[in-house]
Amino acid sequence: MINLRKFKKKNYTIVDNKIEYLNNQPKVTVITPVYNAEKYLRKTIESVISQTLGIDNIEYILVDDCSKDQSRKILLEYCTKFPTIKSVFLKGNTGTPGQPRNIGIELSTSKYITFLDADDWLEPNGLEILFNILEETNDDYIVGKTIEVQQNGTKIVGEHESCKERRIVSPYSIPHIFQHLGPRARMCRTDLLKTNKIYFPEMKFAEDKQFFIDVLTACRSISTTTAPIYYLNRVDNSGRLTNQTNILQKTNCNLKVIQYVIKKNLDVEKEKMILNRLYEFDSISRFFNTPHFQRTRLKFIYYFTFRRVLRTAKFLRYEFSENFSDPLNKVVYELFRNRKYKELVKLLEWNKKEKIKEIHIKENLPYFKVPFLDEPFRYIRSPMFALVKEESILENKYILHFKVYGTNKVSITDIIIRNSKDVLFEHHFEVEMEEDGNGRVIIDLVLLKHLPPAHYSIYLRFNDYMKINIRKIDTKQSKRCFQNRDYIFYQTRYSNVGLKINSV
């Protein structure tokens, strides 16, 4: 029987098994905070053990935050079996994954660090891909693709991070790099964290946001990869800490992060990129689009909290709303400033319910009409709009002619055909674009033979990762039976062009 070693520290106890350890230097440290995670914990640990990088090259530190279920028993079991697994048991619950992750950082001994939550899992070759890229580039940081697993399918999280292969680039060269700042699918140099004393702040929410802001601002260069790395478990959200934190509490934490960023006194353009996420994405999009805001009669609490957010922008060196990427958010902001609260509420409710908006074209730019708002808010810019002009199937090729309106049409690169339930099944086709916005794509059905029978969404991609559907006005279908399968291009329920593949 193997005996486990125990090391008692001030606030925690370390348990590991070094008897059979070969004393080789690990290449990567994986850090997992654990709290009442017995339901998925074995799957999480097994995804690390089965890495193609080799468990002998992985230092796996799991930090238990006083779990009340069988998590501790599971950790001790794996400590016994694998000498590279180290379990840490805290003496008191911290109520946040930040402190357990900090302990993992302090205890790490490898060249690189990555994080894995206790109910998520890794792609079998995920760590090897990230490790090899960092070794090749000598970058400080690498991020890959995160797949969110839901009850009814999957989706890509933070697609801007994994839409293309990038090597040795500035973080600030990637649009919206600060939009998703969770610990998923990323690896960084351990000495970057320890030299710059970068740790998670003691907050119940947004601690990872502040942490990765510090990481990215400290990076000399980073890389990105399209490879799937990390599976984010959203099948059952009931026990997650973020779901036990209401939007007002989250905004209070975001306020702390805003104040923290302002105090860093960064270069103006860098500060704009970071704060835009915190102002537009967190303080408007997420804040006002919660179901609770629509239901509650106490909306004045939201308005009071948002005014607190706006006060932080009072002494900025620029007008922060000029950086908003969604024109709708700017209208929400202006309605609030003009104290048009009823219109603000109605606009958000209408925007959520009105899936097929009426589009008006003015000077070759698209606007959607909000019938209940007065000028200047009645027509709100849509970032981009695409419309089917003509479609046909010749032999085994679907030919689609379309028209695009908007300022970003020159950045359109391709069409994505993506499985509506499983995002790992997709195919890209290059598009032919003219300066006036007319475009054409030829979809060769032969190249779709690897896609399983299912419904597929069709998107135009622009600015590296942004996507729009192509509006289809008529209900006429384009259909071709080919190699014992039906390929049906049809109008979806939201009046966009879609593809259905059926077995014959």
Protein backbone atom coordinates (compact mmCIF):
# COMPACT_ATOMS: atom_id res chain seq x y z
CA MET A 1 0.00 0.00 0.00
CA ILE A 2 1.28 3.46 -0.91
CA ASN A 3 1.48 6.03 1.86
CA LEU A 4 0.57 9.61 1.09
CA ARG A 5 2.72 12.46 2.38
CA LYS A 6 1.09 15.34 4.24
CA PHE A 7 2.54 18.82 4.64
CA LYS A 8 0.68 21.16 6.93
CA LYS A 9 0.89 24.86 6.15
CA LYS A 10 -0.73 27.78 7.89
CA ASN A 11 -3.99 27.68 5.98
CA TYR A 12 -3.92 24.36 4.16
CA THR A 13 -2.56 20.81 4.01
CA ILE A 14 -0.75 19.37 0.99
CA VAL A 15 -1.21 15.68 0.24
CA ASP A 16 0.81 13.87 -2.42
CA ASN A 17 2.64 10.65 -3.20
CA LYS A 18 6.31 11.04 -4.18
CA ILE A 19 7.46 7.48 -3.52
CA GLU A 20 7.28 6.37 -7.14
CA TYR A 21 7.97 9.78 -8.63
CA LEU A 22 10.78 9.88 -11.19
CA ASN A 23 11.90 13.40 -10.21
CA ASN A 24 11.63 14.69 -13.78
CA GLN A 25 10.78 18.37 -14.18
CA PRO A 26 7.12 18.76 -15.20
CA LYS A 27 6.42 20.76 -18.36
CA VAL A 28 3.00 22.12 -17.43
CA THR A 29 1.13 22.78 -14.20
CA VAL A 30 -2.64 22.33 -14.30
CA ILE A 31 -4.52 24.05 -11.45
CA THR A 32 -8.07 23.05 -10.50
CA PRO A 33 -10.06 24.68 -7.69
CA VAL A 34 -12.50 22.17 -6.21
CA TYR A 35 -15.70 22.71 -4.24
CA ASN A 36 -18.48 20.10 -4.04
CA ALA A 37 -17.52 18.83 -7.48
CA GLU A 38 -18.04 15.08 -7.10
CA LYS A 39 -20.51 14.87 -10.03
CA TYR A 40 -17.93 15.71 -12.73
CA LEU A 41 -14.62 15.62 -10.84
CA ARG A 42 -13.54 12.19 -12.10
CA LYS A 43 -14.18 13.19 -15.71
CA THR A 44 -12.16 16.38 -15.17
CA ILE A 45 -9.19 14.55 -13.63
CA GLU A 46 -9.28 11.75 -16.22
CA SER A 47 -9.11 14.36 -19.01
CA VAL A 48 -5.76 15.50 -17.54
CA ILE A 49 -4.45 11.99 -16.94
CA SER A 50 -5.19 11.00 -20.55
CA GLN A 51 -3.38 13.99 -22.11
CA THR A 52 -1.07 13.14 -25.01
CA LEU A 53 1.55 15.32 -23.32
CA GLY A 54 1.84 12.52 -20.75
CA ILE A 55 0.78 12.62 -17.12
CA ASP A 56 4.47 12.32 -16.08
CA ASN A 57 5.05 15.72 -17.71
CA ILE A 58 2.10 17.33 -15.93
CA GLU A 59 2.09 18.70 -12.41
CA TYR A 60 -1.59 18.54 -11.45
CA ILE A 61 -2.53 20.64 -8.41
CA LEU A 62 -6.12 20.36 -7.16
CA VAL A 63 -7.09 22.72 -4.34
CA ASP A 64 -10.16 21.71 -2.33
CA ASP A 65 -12.05 24.60 -0.75
CA CYS A 66 -13.60 22.57 2.12
CA SER A 67 -15.97 20.47 0.01
CA LYS A 68 -18.87 18.84 1.85
CA ASP A 69 -19.43 16.00 -0.64
CA GLN A 70 -17.15 13.15 -1.77
CA SER A 71 -14.64 15.41 -3.56
CA ARG A 72 -11.97 14.94 -0.88
CA LYS A 73 -12.24 11.16 -1.12
CA ILE A 74 -11.86 11.30 -4.91
CA LEU A 75 -8.78 13.55 -4.66
CA LEU A 76 -7.08 11.24 -2.16
CA GLU A 77 -7.79 8.28 -4.43
CA TYR A 78 -6.06 9.90 -7.41
CA CYS A 79 -3.15 11.11 -5.25
CA THR A 80 -2.48 7.49 -4.39
CA LYS A 81 -2.46 6.37 -8.01
CA PHE A 82 -0.49 9.22 -9.61
CA PRO A 83 2.63 10.77 -8.09
CA THR A 84 2.33 13.90 -10.21
CA ILE A 85 -1.08 14.74 -8.71
CA LYS A 86 -0.99 16.96 -5.63
CA SER A 87 -4.08 17.70 -3.54
CA VAL A 88 -4.35 20.74 -1.31
CA PHE A 89 -7.02 20.95 1.40
CA LEU A 90 -7.89 24.38 2.75
CA LYS A 91 -8.72 24.79 6.45
CA GLY A 92 -11.52 27.26 5.77
CA ASN A 93 -13.80 27.92 2.81
CA THR A 94 -12.81 31.01 0.81
CA GLY A 95 -16.05 31.31 -1.19
CA THR A 96 -14.20 32.02 -4.45
CA PRO A 97 -12.01 30.04 -6.88
CA GLY A 98 -9.46 32.86 -6.85
CA GLN A 99 -7.66 31.96 -3.61
CA PRO A 100 -7.36 28.23 -4.47
CA ARG A 101 -5.91 29.18 -7.85
CA ASN A 102 -3.41 31.51 -6.15
CA ILE A 103 -2.21 28.65 -3.95
CA GLY A 104 -1.78 26.54 -7.08
CA ILE A 105 0.32 29.29 -8.66
CA GLU A 106 2.51 29.54 -5.54
CA LEU A 107 3.08 25.78 -5.47
CA SER A 108 3.71 25.37 -9.19
CA THR A 109 7.18 24.27 -10.30
CA SER A 110 6.80 23.94 -14.09
CA LYS A 111 7.54 26.36 -16.92
CA TYR A 112 3.89 26.90 -17.87
CA ILE A 113 0.56 27.15 -16.05
CA THR A 114 -2.99 26.47 -17.18
CA PHE A 115 -6.31 26.34 -15.34
CA LEU A 116 -9.12 23.80 -15.43
CA ASP A 117 -12.38 24.09 -13.48
CA ALA A 118 -13.59 21.02 -11.61
CA ASP A 119 -16.62 20.36 -13.81
CA ASP A 120 -14.96 20.98 -17.19
CA TRP A 121 -12.60 18.84 -19.26
CA LEU A 122 -9.78 19.07 -21.81
CA GLU A 123 -9.38 17.84 -25.38
CA PRO A 124 -6.95 14.85 -25.20
CA ASN A 125 -4.17 16.69 -27.07
CA GLY A 126 -5.07 20.16 -25.73
CA LEU A 127 -2.09 20.66 -23.41
CA GLU A 128 0.38 19.32 -25.94
CA ILE A 129 -0.87 21.79 -28.59
CA LEU A 130 -0.58 24.79 -26.27
CA PHE A 131 2.80 23.67 -24.89
CA ASN A 132 4.34 23.10 -28.33
CA ILE A 133 3.25 26.53 -29.60
CA LEU A 134 4.74 28.31 -26.58
CA GLU A 135 7.98 26.36 -26.94
CA GLU A 136 8.11 27.24 -30.64
CA THR A 137 7.32 30.96 -30.26
CA ASN A 138 8.70 31.78 -26.80
CA ASP A 139 5.47 33.76 -26.29
CA ASP A 140 4.14 34.56 -22.85
CA TYR A 141 0.63 33.32 -23.53
CA ILE A 142 -1.43 31.11 -25.83
CA VAL A 143 -5.20 30.66 -26.13
CA GLY A 144 -7.18 28.09 -28.10
CA LYS A 145 -10.79 27.13 -28.75
CA THR A 146 -13.33 26.69 -25.95
CA ILE A 147 -16.43 24.62 -26.68
CA GLU A 148 -19.39 25.31 -24.39
CA VAL A 149 -21.41 22.12 -23.84
CA GLN A 150 -25.11 22.78 -23.24
CA GLN A 151 -28.09 20.50 -22.70
CA ASN A 152 -29.18 20.83 -26.33
CA GLY A 153 -25.87 21.28 -28.16
CA THR A 154 -22.55 23.13 -28.25
CA LYS A 155 -21.24 26.58 -29.14
CA ILE A 156 -17.88 28.33 -29.39
CA VAL A 157 -16.98 30.72 -26.57
CA GLY A 158 -14.89 33.79 -27.36
CA GLU A 159 -14.56 33.01 -31.05
CA HIS A 160 -12.27 36.00 -31.61
CA GLU A 161 -9.61 34.16 -29.58
CA SER A 162 -9.59 31.04 -31.75
CA CYS A 163 -10.80 32.09 -35.20
CA LYS A 164 -7.31 31.93 -36.74
CA GLU A 165 -3.73 30.85 -36.17
CA ARG A 166 -1.67 33.77 -34.87
CA ARG A 167 1.95 33.67 -33.75
CA ILE A 168 4.01 36.23 -31.81
CA VAL A 169 1.50 39.10 -31.97
CA SER A 170 0.62 41.90 -29.60
CA PRO A 171 -2.52 41.21 -27.52
CA TYR A 172 -3.80 44.61 -28.60
CA SER A 173 -3.70 43.59 -32.27
CA ILE A 174 -6.61 41.21 -31.67
CA PRO A 175 -10.02 42.91 -31.72
CA HIS A 176 -12.04 42.32 -28.54
CA ILE A 177 -9.26 40.27 -26.90
CA PHE A 178 -10.55 41.52 -23.54
CA GLN A 179 -14.15 40.39 -24.16
CA HIS A 180 -13.70 36.90 -22.68
CA LEU A 181 -11.31 36.68 -19.76
CA GLY A 182 -12.09 33.38 -18.07
CA PRO A 183 -9.40 30.77 -17.34
CA ARG A 184 -10.41 28.50 -20.20
CA ALA A 185 -8.19 27.10 -22.99
CA ARG A 186 -5.17 29.24 -22.20
CA MET A 187 -1.64 28.69 -20.98
CA CYS A 188 0.98 31.20 -19.85
CA ARG A 189 4.53 31.31 -18.60
CA THR A 190 4.80 30.71 -14.88
CA ASP A 191 7.55 33.30 -14.48
CA LEU A 192 5.28 35.93 -16.08
CA LEU A 193 2.90 35.50 -13.16
CA LYS A 194 5.49 35.20 -10.40
CA THR A 195 7.83 37.96 -11.61
CA ASN A 196 4.96 40.42 -12.04
CA LYS A 197 3.22 39.18 -8.89
CA ILE A 198 -0.02 38.52 -10.78
CA TYR A 199 -2.61 36.79 -8.61
CA PHE A 200 -6.38 36.51 -8.48
CA PRO A 201 -7.98 39.23 -6.32
CA GLU A 202 -10.23 38.17 -3.45
CA MET A 203 -13.60 38.75 -5.09
CA LYS A 204 -16.63 36.49 -5.44
CA PHE A 205 -17.02 37.49 -9.09
CA ALA A 206 -14.81 39.03 -11.83
CA GLU A 207 -11.61 37.81 -10.17
CA ASP A 208 -10.59 36.04 -13.38
CA LYS A 209 -11.40 39.18 -15.37
CA GLN A 210 -8.94 41.29 -13.37
CA PHE A 211 -6.36 38.50 -13.35
CA PHE A 212 -6.27 38.08 -17.12
CA ILE A 213 -6.29 41.83 -17.69
CA ASP A 214 -3.07 41.87 -15.68
CA VAL A 215 -1.72 38.89 -17.64
CA LEU A 216 -2.44 40.40 -21.05
CA THR A 217 -1.07 43.84 -20.16
CA ALA A 218 2.14 42.17 -18.95
CA CYS A 219 2.58 40.02 -22.09
CA ARG A 220 5.24 40.88 -24.65
CA SER A 221 3.52 38.71 -27.29
CA ILE A 222 0.88 36.01 -27.52
CA SER A 223 -0.37 33.31 -29.90
CA THR A 224 -3.79 31.90 -30.73
CA THR A 225 -4.88 28.59 -32.28
CA THR A 226 -8.06 27.27 -33.87
CA ALA A 227 -7.58 23.88 -32.19
CA PRO A 228 -10.27 22.77 -29.69
CA ILE A 229 -8.68 22.75 -26.23
CA TYR A 230 -11.29 23.12 -23.50
CA TYR A 231 -14.88 21.96 -22.90
CA LEU A 232 -16.92 24.30 -20.73
CA ASN A 233 -19.67 22.37 -18.94
CA ARG A 234 -22.98 24.22 -18.97
CA VAL A 235 -25.22 21.15 -18.91
CA ASP A 236 -26.13 21.84 -15.28
CA ASN A 237 -25.62 25.39 -14.01
CA SER A 238 -27.45 25.10 -10.71
CA GLY A 239 -24.43 24.80 -8.43
CA ARG A 240 -22.12 27.32 -10.08
CA LEU A 241 -20.89 30.21 -7.94
CA THR A 242 -21.60 32.79 -10.66
CA ASN A 243 -25.26 31.75 -10.66
CA GLN A 244 -25.43 32.41 -6.93
CA THR A 245 -24.29 36.00 -7.55
CA ASN A 246 -26.97 38.40 -8.79
CA ILE A 247 -26.32 40.98 -11.48
CA LEU A 248 -26.10 43.86 -8.99
CA GLN A 249 -23.43 42.05 -6.96
CA LYS A 250 -21.59 41.26 -10.19
CA THR A 251 -21.71 44.92 -11.20
CA ASN A 252 -20.25 45.95 -7.86
CA CYS A 253 -17.34 43.61 -8.58
CA ASN A 254 -17.04 45.01 -12.12
CA LEU A 255 -16.87 48.50 -10.61
CA LYS A 256 -13.82 47.43 -8.63
CA VAL A 257 -12.19 46.13 -11.82
CA ILE A 258 -12.97 49.40 -13.66
CA GLN A 259 -11.39 51.42 -10.87
CA TYR A 260 -8.42 49.05 -10.81
CA VAL A 261 -7.84 49.46 -14.56
CA ILE A 262 -8.11 53.27 -14.41
CA LYS A 263 -5.52 53.37 -11.61
CA LYS A 264 -3.07 51.43 -13.82
CA ASN A 265 -2.80 54.61 -15.95
CA LEU A 266 -2.27 52.65 -19.16
CA ASP A 267 -1.68 54.05 -22.61
CA VAL A 268 -4.98 55.58 -23.80
CA GLU A 269 -5.60 53.17 -26.67
CA LYS A 270 -4.88 50.15 -24.47
CA GLU A 271 -7.14 51.49 -21.73
CA LYS A 272 -9.94 52.03 -24.26
CA MET A 273 -9.83 48.38 -25.34
CA ILE A 274 -10.01 47.10 -21.78
CA LEU A 275 -12.62 49.52 -20.46
CA ASN A 276 -14.85 49.10 -23.49
CA ARG A 277 -15.44 45.52 -22.40
CA LEU A 278 -16.26 46.64 -18.86
CA TYR A 279 -18.50 49.54 -19.88
CA GLU A 280 -20.30 48.25 -22.96
CA PHE A 281 -20.29 44.49 -22.54
CA ASP A 282 -20.62 44.17 -18.75
CA SER A 283 -22.37 47.39 -17.75
CA ILE A 284 -24.89 47.64 -20.61
CA SER A 285 -25.29 44.41 -22.62
CA ARG A 286 -25.19 42.03 -19.67
CA PHE A 287 -26.54 44.44 -17.08
CA PHE A 288 -29.73 45.63 -18.78
CA ASN A 289 -30.53 42.43 -20.67
CA THR A 290 -31.05 40.26 -17.61
CA PRO A 291 -34.57 38.80 -17.21
CA HIS A 292 -34.68 40.28 -13.70
CA PHE A 293 -34.37 43.83 -15.05
CA GLN A 294 -37.41 43.31 -17.27
CA ARG A 295 -39.47 41.80 -14.43
CA THR A 296 -38.59 43.92 -11.43
CA ARG A 297 -40.54 46.97 -10.31
CA LEU A 298 -37.41 48.22 -8.58
CA LYS A 299 -35.63 49.34 -11.72
CA PHE A 300 -34.42 52.44 -9.92
CA ILE A 301 -31.85 50.20 -8.19
CA TYR A 302 -30.42 49.34 -11.64
CA TYR A 303 -30.40 53.00 -12.61
CA PHE A 304 -28.66 53.97 -9.38
CA THR A 305 -26.02 51.28 -9.94
CA PHE A 306 -25.47 52.31 -13.57
CA ARG A 307 -24.96 55.91 -12.47
CA ARG A 308 -22.20 54.66 -10.18
CA VAL A 309 -20.60 53.04 -13.24
CA LEU A 310 -20.86 56.27 -15.23
CA ARG A 311 -19.23 58.28 -12.46
CA THR A 312 -16.05 56.24 -12.95
CA ALA A 313 -15.88 57.59 -16.53
CA LYS A 314 -16.11 61.22 -15.47
CA PHE A 315 -12.38 61.88 -15.56
CA LEU A 316 -11.42 59.67 -18.50
CA ARG A 317 -9.33 61.24 -21.25
CA TYR A 318 -11.99 60.43 -23.89
CA GLU A 319 -15.72 59.82 -24.34
CA PHE A 320 -15.96 56.11 -23.62
CA SER A 321 -19.22 55.53 -25.57
CA GLU A 322 -17.44 56.36 -28.84
CA ASN A 323 -15.76 52.96 -28.60
CA PHE A 324 -19.01 50.97 -28.45
CA SER A 325 -19.13 48.25 -31.10
CA ASP A 326 -22.93 47.82 -31.07
CA PRO A 327 -24.94 50.94 -32.02
CA LEU A 328 -27.87 49.65 -29.95
CA ASN A 329 -25.79 49.97 -26.78
CA LYS A 330 -25.07 53.59 -27.61
CA VAL A 331 -28.80 54.28 -27.94
CA VAL A 332 -29.44 52.61 -24.57
CA TYR A 333 -26.75 54.82 -23.08
CA GLU A 334 -28.21 57.99 -24.65
CA LEU A 335 -31.75 57.14 -23.54
CA PHE A 336 -30.45 56.70 -20.01
CA ARG A 337 -28.58 60.01 -20.10
CA ASN A 338 -31.79 61.72 -21.27
CA ARG A 339 -33.77 59.97 -18.50
CA LYS A 340 -36.02 58.23 -21.02
CA TYR A 341 -36.33 55.15 -18.87
CA LYS A 342 -39.64 53.86 -20.28
CA GLU A 343 -38.24 53.99 -23.80
CA LEU A 344 -35.07 52.25 -22.64
CA VAL A 345 -37.03 49.37 -21.12
CA LYS A 346 -39.30 49.08 -24.15
CA LEU A 347 -36.36 49.11 -26.56
CA LEU A 348 -34.59 46.26 -24.78
CA GLU A 349 -37.77 44.23 -24.57
CA TRP A 350 -38.54 44.85 -28.26
CA ASN A 351 -34.99 44.00 -29.34
CA LYS A 352 -35.19 40.64 -27.56
CA LYS A 353 -38.60 39.68 -28.96
CA GLU A 354 -38.31 41.09 -32.49
CA LYS A 355 -36.19 38.41 -34.15
CA ILE A 356 -36.87 39.56 -37.72
CA LYS A 357 -36.34 43.31 -37.70
CA GLU A 358 -37.43 45.63 -40.47
CA ILE A 359 -34.30 46.89 -42.23
CA HIS A 360 -34.03 50.25 -44.00
CA ILE A 361 -31.14 51.08 -46.30
CA LYS A 362 -29.89 54.68 -46.28
CA GLU A 363 -26.84 55.65 -48.33
CA ASN A 364 -25.90 51.96 -48.62
CA LEU A 365 -25.92 51.51 -44.83
CA PRO A 366 -28.41 49.29 -42.95
CA TYR A 367 -30.67 50.54 -40.14
CA PHE A 368 -33.41 48.77 -38.25
CA LYS A 369 -36.53 50.72 -37.50
CA VAL A 370 -37.79 51.08 -33.91
CA PRO A 371 -41.41 52.22 -34.48
CA PHE A 372 -42.06 53.55 -30.97
CA LEU A 373 -38.96 55.76 -30.66
CA ASP A 374 -38.74 59.37 -31.80
CA GLU A 375 -35.87 60.84 -33.77
CA PRO A 376 -32.89 60.60 -33.53
CA PHE A 377 -33.35 57.08 -32.14
CA ARG A 378 -35.99 55.68 -34.48
CA TYR A 379 -33.43 54.28 -36.93
CA ILE A 380 -30.53 52.42 -35.30
CA ARG A 381 -27.52 51.33 -37.33
CA SER A 382 -27.16 47.62 -37.88
CA PRO A 383 -23.45 46.80 -38.10
CA MET A 384 -24.01 44.70 -41.24
CA PHE A 385 -26.89 43.29 -43.27
CA ALA A 386 -26.82 40.65 -46.02
CA LEU A 387 -29.65 39.67 -48.38
CA VAL A 388 -30.07 36.75 -50.79
CA LYS A 389 -30.35 38.01 -54.39
CA GLU A 390 -30.36 34.76 -56.36
CA GLU A 391 -29.66 31.08 -55.70
CA SER A 392 -29.45 27.98 -57.85
CA ILE A 393 -28.05 24.45 -57.96
CA LEU A 394 -26.08 23.43 -61.04
CA GLU A 395 -24.86 19.85 -61.10
CA ASN A 396 -23.52 19.37 -57.55
CA LYS A 397 -22.88 23.01 -56.73
CA TYR A 398 -25.08 25.46 -54.84
CA ILE A 399 -24.50 28.99 -56.18
CA LEU A 400 -25.56 31.89 -53.96
CA HIS A 401 -25.57 35.54 -55.00
CA PHE A 402 -26.05 38.05 -52.18
CA LYS A 403 -25.84 41.75 -51.39
CA VAL A 404 -24.14 43.15 -48.30
CA TYR A 405 -24.76 46.58 -46.76
CA GLY A 406 -22.47 48.15 -44.16
CA THR A 407 -19.03 49.62 -43.66
CA ASN A 408 -17.31 46.30 -43.01
CA LYS A 409 -18.24 44.51 -46.24
CA VAL A 410 -14.67 44.76 -47.56
CA SER A 411 -13.51 42.58 -44.65
CA ILE A 412 -15.80 39.65 -45.57
CA THR A 413 -13.63 36.59 -46.23
CA ASP A 414 -15.74 33.45 -46.32
CA ILE A 415 -18.98 31.64 -45.57
CA ILE A 416 -19.21 29.26 -42.64
CA ILE A 417 -21.57 26.28 -42.72
CA ARG A 418 -21.85 25.16 -39.10
CA ASN A 419 -23.80 22.39 -37.40
CA SER A 420 -26.51 24.01 -35.27
CA LYS A 421 -26.01 21.46 -32.47
CA ASP A 422 -22.33 20.49 -32.71
CA VAL A 423 -19.96 23.32 -33.66
CA LEU A 424 -17.08 20.92 -34.31
CA PHE A 425 -18.79 20.07 -37.61
CA GLU A 426 -18.36 22.95 -40.04
CA HIS A 427 -16.93 23.88 -43.43
CA HIS A 428 -15.72 27.17 -44.92
CA PHE A 429 -16.05 28.43 -48.48
CA GLU A 430 -14.26 31.47 -49.87
CA VAL A 431 -16.53 34.21 -51.18
CA GLU A 432 -16.10 36.54 -54.12
CA MET A 433 -16.83 40.13 -53.06
CA GLU A 434 -17.14 43.29 -55.13
CA GLU A 435 -16.63 46.80 -53.79
CA ASP A 436 -20.34 47.63 -54.13
CA GLY A 437 -21.25 44.80 -51.73
CA ASN A 438 -22.36 42.23 -54.29
CA GLY A 439 -21.01 38.80 -53.49
CA ARG A 440 -21.07 35.21 -54.68
CA VAL A 441 -20.18 31.86 -53.19
CA ILE A 442 -20.09 28.42 -54.81
CA ILE A 443 -20.72 25.57 -52.36
CA ASP A 444 -19.48 22.27 -53.73
CA LEU A 445 -21.60 19.50 -52.19
CA VAL A 446 -18.72 17.06 -52.60
CA LEU A 447 -16.83 19.00 -49.91
CA LEU A 448 -19.71 18.58 -47.45
CA LYS A 449 -19.65 14.78 -47.39
CA HIS A 450 -17.90 14.73 -43.99
CA LEU A 451 -20.80 16.60 -42.36
CA PRO A 452 -23.39 14.35 -40.68
CA PRO A 453 -27.14 14.71 -41.42
CA ALA A 454 -28.39 17.70 -39.42
CA HIS A 455 -29.46 21.34 -39.63
CA TYR A 456 -26.69 23.83 -40.44
CA SER A 457 -26.50 27.58 -39.96
CA ILE A 458 -24.91 29.64 -42.72
CA TYR A 459 -22.92 32.78 -41.87
CA LEU A 460 -20.85 35.38 -43.65
CA ARG A 461 -17.65 36.00 -41.70
CA PHE A 462 -15.96 39.41 -41.48
CA ASN A 463 -13.32 41.11 -39.34
CA ASP A 464 -11.69 37.74 -38.63
CA TYR A 465 -14.45 36.28 -36.46
CA MET A 466 -17.66 38.31 -36.64
CA LYS A 467 -20.63 36.62 -38.32
CA ILE A 468 -23.96 37.60 -39.87
CA ASN A 469 -26.76 35.53 -41.33
CA ILE A 470 -27.96 36.10 -44.88
CA ARG A 471 -31.62 37.18 -44.97
CA LYS A 472 -33.79 35.07 -47.31
CA ILE A 473 -37.08 36.69 -48.26
CA ASP A 474 -38.85 33.84 -50.11
CA THR A 475 -39.64 30.32 -48.89
CA LYS A 476 -38.49 28.58 -52.09
CA GLN A 477 -36.03 25.73 -51.43
CA SER A 478 -32.99 24.70 -53.47
CA LYS A 479 -32.64 20.94 -53.23
CA ARG A 480 -30.27 18.34 -54.65
CA CYS A 481 -30.02 14.60 -53.96
CA PHE A 482 -26.37 13.60 -54.12
CA GLN A 483 -24.58 10.44 -52.94
CA ASN A 484 -27.66 9.16 -51.08
CA ARG A 485 -28.21 12.43 -49.25
CA ASP A 486 -30.57 15.35 -49.69
CA TYR A 487 -29.03 18.84 -49.50
CA ILE A 488 -31.80 21.38 -48.89
CA PHE A 489 -31.08 25.12 -48.76
CA TYR A 490 -34.12 26.72 -47.16
CA GLN A 491 -35.52 29.72 -45.29
CA THR A 492 -35.09 29.32 -41.51
CA ARG A 493 -37.77 30.40 -39.04
CA TYR A 494 -35.88 33.69 -38.60
CA SER A 495 -35.88 34.25 -42.40
CA ASN A 496 -32.22 33.40 -43.00
CA VAL A 497 -30.74 30.94 -45.47
CA GLY A 498 -29.92 27.59 -43.86
CA LEU A 499 -28.96 24.06 -44.88
CA LYS A 500 -30.55 20.75 -43.96
CA ILE A 501 -28.78 17.49 -44.80
CA ASN A 502 -30.92 14.32 -44.78
CA SER A 503 -30.02 10.72 -45.39
CA VAL A 504 -32.05 9.17 -48.19
